Amino acid sequence: MGNDVMVDDIAFAPELTLTKLLPLLGYGCTELEIHFLQIKFTAIGVYMEKEVVQHLQKWKGKSGKELAEEDDFFDALTAAPVETVIKAVVIKEIKASQLGTQLEGAVRDRLAAIDKYEEEEEAALEKVAEFFPTRYLKKNSFFTFSFFASGTAEITITTDEKEETKTAVENKNVAEMIKKWYLGGSRSVSPSTIECLANNLSAELSK
């Protein structure tokens, strides 16, 4: 526990393994404003191969603040062919399908904006949306979004009873936009995660 990073009161291990060992490179929260109150819903941990910095050399020497404001930087980050895991841990009880609906809308809009929303994407996205159950998930349940270097992804839901369900995302356009939902710079669902990633990657690039 000593090296865990605390986000709100959720602990994130300093590294985890997909097929390779991935260090924790960024973290933050997703929040929603309800009746003028900022409610934190999930704590986010972003694990990524350290090799990602090889794909970001163009931004060497820039501060975290500068990087946080550069969407091109995050486009390069999400496009880098490295393994990435985004872990979203429930802080406040949430209906899994609420997250699925948000995700579906955001991914569809992004794909449509770049003219990549065809029948294959629609079918793949529908499968993703249907994967999120309508039941409520208690605190400490979590979603794991695993992105492979090949461009495909896998989504796992682990409940507080430690039950696990998973689905594969074979469509690379849909997988990329799910990743961008979390890591897409100014359009990210979690600005605090973007800020943290920018600061940590700025430090990695200056080594």
Protein backbone atom coordinates (compact mmCIF):
# COMPACT_ATOMS: atom_id res chain seq x y z
CA MET A 1 0.00 0.00 0.00
CA GLY A 2 2.93 2.32 0.64
CA ASN A 3 3.36 3.41 -2.95
CA ASP A 4 -0.32 3.60 -3.85
CA VAL A 5 -1.59 6.89 -5.20
CA MET A 6 -4.75 8.16 -3.52
CA VAL A 7 -7.40 9.85 -5.68
CA ASP A 8 -10.19 11.12 -3.46
CA ASP A 9 -10.10 8.09 -1.12
CA ILE A 10 -9.52 5.51 -3.86
CA ALA A 11 -6.11 3.79 -4.00
CA PHE A 12 -4.34 3.17 -7.31
CA ALA A 13 -1.38 0.81 -7.51
CA PRO A 14 1.78 2.44 -8.97
CA GLU A 15 1.75 -0.09 -11.83
CA LEU A 16 -0.25 -2.95 -13.32
CA THR A 17 0.27 -5.53 -16.05
CA LEU A 18 -1.63 -6.01 -19.29
CA THR A 19 0.87 -7.99 -21.35
CA LYS A 20 3.62 -5.61 -20.18
CA LEU A 21 4.22 -3.74 -16.94
CA LEU A 22 2.49 -0.36 -17.17
CA PRO A 23 3.27 2.49 -14.75
CA LEU A 24 0.59 4.89 -13.51
CA LEU A 25 1.16 8.04 -15.62
CA GLY A 26 -1.89 10.08 -14.71
CA TYR A 27 -4.95 10.22 -12.48
CA GLY A 28 -7.94 12.40 -11.66
CA CYS A 29 -11.75 12.30 -11.35
CA THR A 30 -14.87 12.62 -13.43
CA GLU A 31 -17.37 15.09 -12.02
CA LEU A 32 -20.89 16.19 -12.80
CA GLU A 33 -22.62 19.35 -11.68
CA ILE A 34 -25.94 18.54 -10.03
CA HIS A 35 -27.97 21.38 -8.51
CA PHE A 36 -24.88 23.62 -8.52
CA LEU A 37 -22.81 21.02 -6.66
CA GLN A 38 -19.76 19.34 -8.18
CA ILE A 39 -20.25 15.61 -7.55
CA LYS A 40 -17.31 13.26 -8.10
CA PHE A 41 -18.46 10.04 -9.73
CA THR A 42 -15.33 8.09 -10.66
CA ALA A 43 -11.63 8.19 -9.87
CA ILE A 44 -9.45 7.62 -12.94
CA GLY A 45 -6.03 6.00 -13.19
CA VAL A 46 -4.16 5.95 -16.52
CA TYR A 47 -1.50 3.27 -16.98
CA MET A 48 0.69 3.40 -20.05
CA GLU A 49 3.97 2.00 -21.38
CA LYS A 50 6.85 4.36 -20.56
CA GLU A 51 7.88 3.97 -24.23
CA VAL A 52 5.06 6.37 -25.10
CA VAL A 53 7.52 9.24 -24.60
CA GLN A 54 9.41 8.07 -27.74
CA HIS A 55 6.31 9.10 -29.73
CA LEU A 56 6.13 12.51 -28.04
CA GLN A 57 9.64 13.89 -28.56
CA LYS A 58 8.29 16.82 -30.57
CA TRP A 59 6.98 18.27 -27.29
CA LYS A 60 10.20 17.85 -25.30
CA GLY A 61 10.93 20.93 -23.18
CA LYS A 62 7.31 22.08 -22.84
CA SER A 63 5.80 22.58 -19.40
CA GLY A 64 2.85 20.56 -18.11
CA LYS A 65 0.67 23.65 -18.37
CA GLU A 66 1.60 24.09 -22.06
CA LEU A 67 1.02 20.41 -22.84
CA ALA A 68 -2.39 20.42 -21.13
CA GLU A 69 -3.54 23.05 -23.61
CA GLU A 70 -2.27 21.26 -26.73
CA ASP A 71 -4.81 18.87 -28.20
CA ASP A 72 -2.25 17.80 -30.81
CA PHE A 73 -0.15 16.41 -27.99
CA PHE A 74 -3.04 14.28 -26.74
CA ASP A 75 -3.86 13.18 -30.29
CA ALA A 76 -0.29 11.89 -30.55
CA LEU A 77 -0.57 10.30 -27.09
CA THR A 78 -3.76 8.40 -27.96
CA ALA A 79 -2.43 7.39 -31.39
CA ALA A 80 0.86 5.98 -30.03
CA PRO A 81 0.97 2.16 -30.56
CA VAL A 82 1.51 1.33 -26.89
CA GLU A 83 -0.53 -0.58 -24.35
CA THR A 84 -2.78 1.60 -22.20
CA VAL A 85 -5.14 0.79 -19.34
CA ILE A 86 -7.68 3.28 -18.00
CA LYS A 87 -9.20 2.26 -14.69
CA ALA A 88 -12.33 4.11 -13.55
CA VAL A 89 -13.32 3.37 -9.95
CA VAL A 90 -16.79 4.27 -8.69
CA ILE A 91 -16.76 6.97 -5.96
CA LYS A 92 -20.50 7.63 -5.85
CA GLU A 93 -23.01 4.85 -6.59
CA ILE A 94 -23.75 5.00 -10.30
CA LYS A 95 -25.91 3.11 -12.78
CA ALA A 96 -23.46 1.41 -15.12
CA SER A 97 -25.78 2.15 -18.04
CA GLN A 98 -25.49 5.90 -17.31
CA LEU A 99 -21.79 5.70 -18.05
CA GLY A 100 -22.51 3.54 -21.09
CA THR A 101 -24.97 6.11 -22.46
CA GLN A 102 -22.50 8.99 -21.92
CA LEU A 103 -19.74 7.01 -23.58
CA GLU A 104 -21.93 5.99 -26.52
CA GLY A 105 -23.02 9.59 -27.20
CA ALA A 106 -19.50 10.99 -26.97
CA VAL A 107 -17.97 8.31 -29.21
CA ARG A 108 -20.74 8.61 -31.82
CA ASP A 109 -20.39 12.42 -31.96
CA ARG A 110 -16.61 12.25 -32.33
CA LEU A 111 -16.76 9.63 -35.09
CA ALA A 112 -19.50 11.50 -36.95
CA ALA A 113 -17.46 14.73 -36.76
CA ILE A 114 -14.60 13.09 -38.68
CA ASP A 115 -16.90 11.12 -41.01
CA LYS A 116 -15.98 7.71 -39.62
CA TYR A 117 -19.37 6.63 -38.27
CA GLU A 118 -20.35 3.81 -40.64
CA GLU A 119 -22.46 0.67 -40.09
CA GLU A 120 -19.51 -1.24 -38.60
CA GLU A 121 -18.90 1.51 -36.03
CA GLU A 122 -22.59 1.73 -35.20
CA ALA A 123 -22.81 -2.03 -34.57
CA ALA A 124 -19.62 -2.04 -32.47
CA LEU A 125 -20.77 0.94 -30.41
CA GLU A 126 -24.21 -0.58 -29.85
CA LYS A 127 -22.51 -3.72 -28.52
CA VAL A 128 -20.44 -1.56 -26.12
CA ALA A 129 -23.52 0.38 -24.89
CA GLU A 130 -25.47 -2.85 -24.30
CA PHE A 131 -22.59 -4.25 -22.26
CA PHE A 132 -23.16 -1.70 -19.46
CA PRO A 133 -25.90 -3.11 -17.18
CA THR A 134 -28.79 -1.05 -15.83
CA ARG A 135 -28.03 -1.94 -12.23
CA TYR A 136 -26.31 0.37 -9.78
CA LEU A 137 -22.65 -0.17 -9.04
CA LYS A 138 -21.53 0.48 -5.49
CA LYS A 139 -18.45 2.43 -4.45
CA ASN A 140 -15.16 0.68 -5.32
CA SER A 141 -16.66 -1.23 -8.25
CA PHE A 142 -14.58 -0.39 -11.31
CA PHE A 143 -14.41 -0.27 -15.08
CA THR A 144 -11.18 -1.27 -16.82
CA PHE A 145 -10.59 -0.09 -20.38
CA SER A 146 -7.62 -2.01 -21.83
CA PHE A 147 -6.17 -0.75 -25.11
CA PHE A 148 -3.75 -3.00 -26.98
CA ALA A 149 -0.93 -1.84 -29.26
CA SER A 150 -2.87 -3.41 -32.17
CA GLY A 151 -5.61 -0.77 -31.80
CA THR A 152 -8.30 -3.05 -30.35
CA ALA A 153 -9.64 -2.82 -26.80
CA GLU A 154 -11.41 -4.69 -24.02
CA ILE A 155 -13.77 -3.36 -21.37
CA THR A 156 -14.20 -5.11 -18.01
CA ILE A 157 -16.63 -4.29 -15.20
CA THR A 158 -15.66 -5.57 -11.74
CA THR A 159 -18.32 -5.16 -9.04
CA ASP A 160 -17.77 -4.84 -5.31
CA GLU A 161 -18.56 -8.57 -5.12
CA LYS A 162 -15.53 -8.97 -7.43
CA GLU A 163 -17.71 -10.40 -10.22
CA GLU A 164 -16.20 -9.67 -13.59
CA THR A 165 -17.81 -9.25 -17.00
CA LYS A 166 -15.94 -8.24 -20.14
CA THR A 167 -16.47 -7.36 -23.78
CA ALA A 168 -14.04 -6.95 -26.68
CA VAL A 169 -13.97 -3.84 -28.89
CA GLU A 170 -12.62 -5.07 -32.23
CA ASN A 171 -13.50 -1.91 -34.18
CA LYS A 172 -10.38 0.27 -34.05
CA ASN A 173 -12.22 3.56 -34.71
CA VAL A 174 -14.55 2.93 -31.77
CA ALA A 175 -11.66 1.82 -29.55
CA GLU A 176 -9.69 4.96 -30.42
CA MET A 177 -12.60 7.25 -29.58
CA ILE A 178 -13.25 5.52 -26.26
CA LYS A 179 -9.61 6.21 -25.42
CA LYS A 180 -10.02 9.83 -26.56
CA TRP A 181 -13.10 10.23 -24.35
CA TYR A 182 -10.73 9.94 -21.39
CA LEU A 183 -7.46 11.18 -22.90
CA GLY A 184 -8.59 13.63 -25.60
CA GLY A 185 -7.12 16.86 -24.25
CA SER A 186 -9.62 19.72 -23.97
CA ARG A 187 -12.51 17.38 -24.86
CA SER A 188 -11.71 14.84 -22.17
CA VAL A 189 -14.39 13.80 -19.69
CA SER A 190 -11.80 14.37 -16.92
CA PRO A 191 -9.82 17.67 -17.08
CA SER A 192 -8.01 16.81 -13.82
CA THR A 193 -6.63 13.62 -15.42
CA ILE A 194 -5.43 15.58 -18.47
CA GLU A 195 -3.64 18.09 -16.24
CA CYS A 196 -1.93 15.33 -14.24
CA LEU A 197 -0.88 13.43 -17.40
CA ALA A 198 0.52 16.63 -18.93
CA ASN A 199 2.62 17.36 -15.83
CA ASN A 200 3.94 13.81 -15.51
CA LEU A 201 4.71 13.44 -19.23
CA SER A 202 6.44 16.82 -19.27
CA ALA A 203 8.70 15.48 -16.50
CA GLU A 204 9.28 12.19 -18.38
CA LEU A 205 10.16 14.08 -21.58
CA SER A 206 12.71 16.25 -19.79
CA LYS A 207 14.71 13.24 -18.54
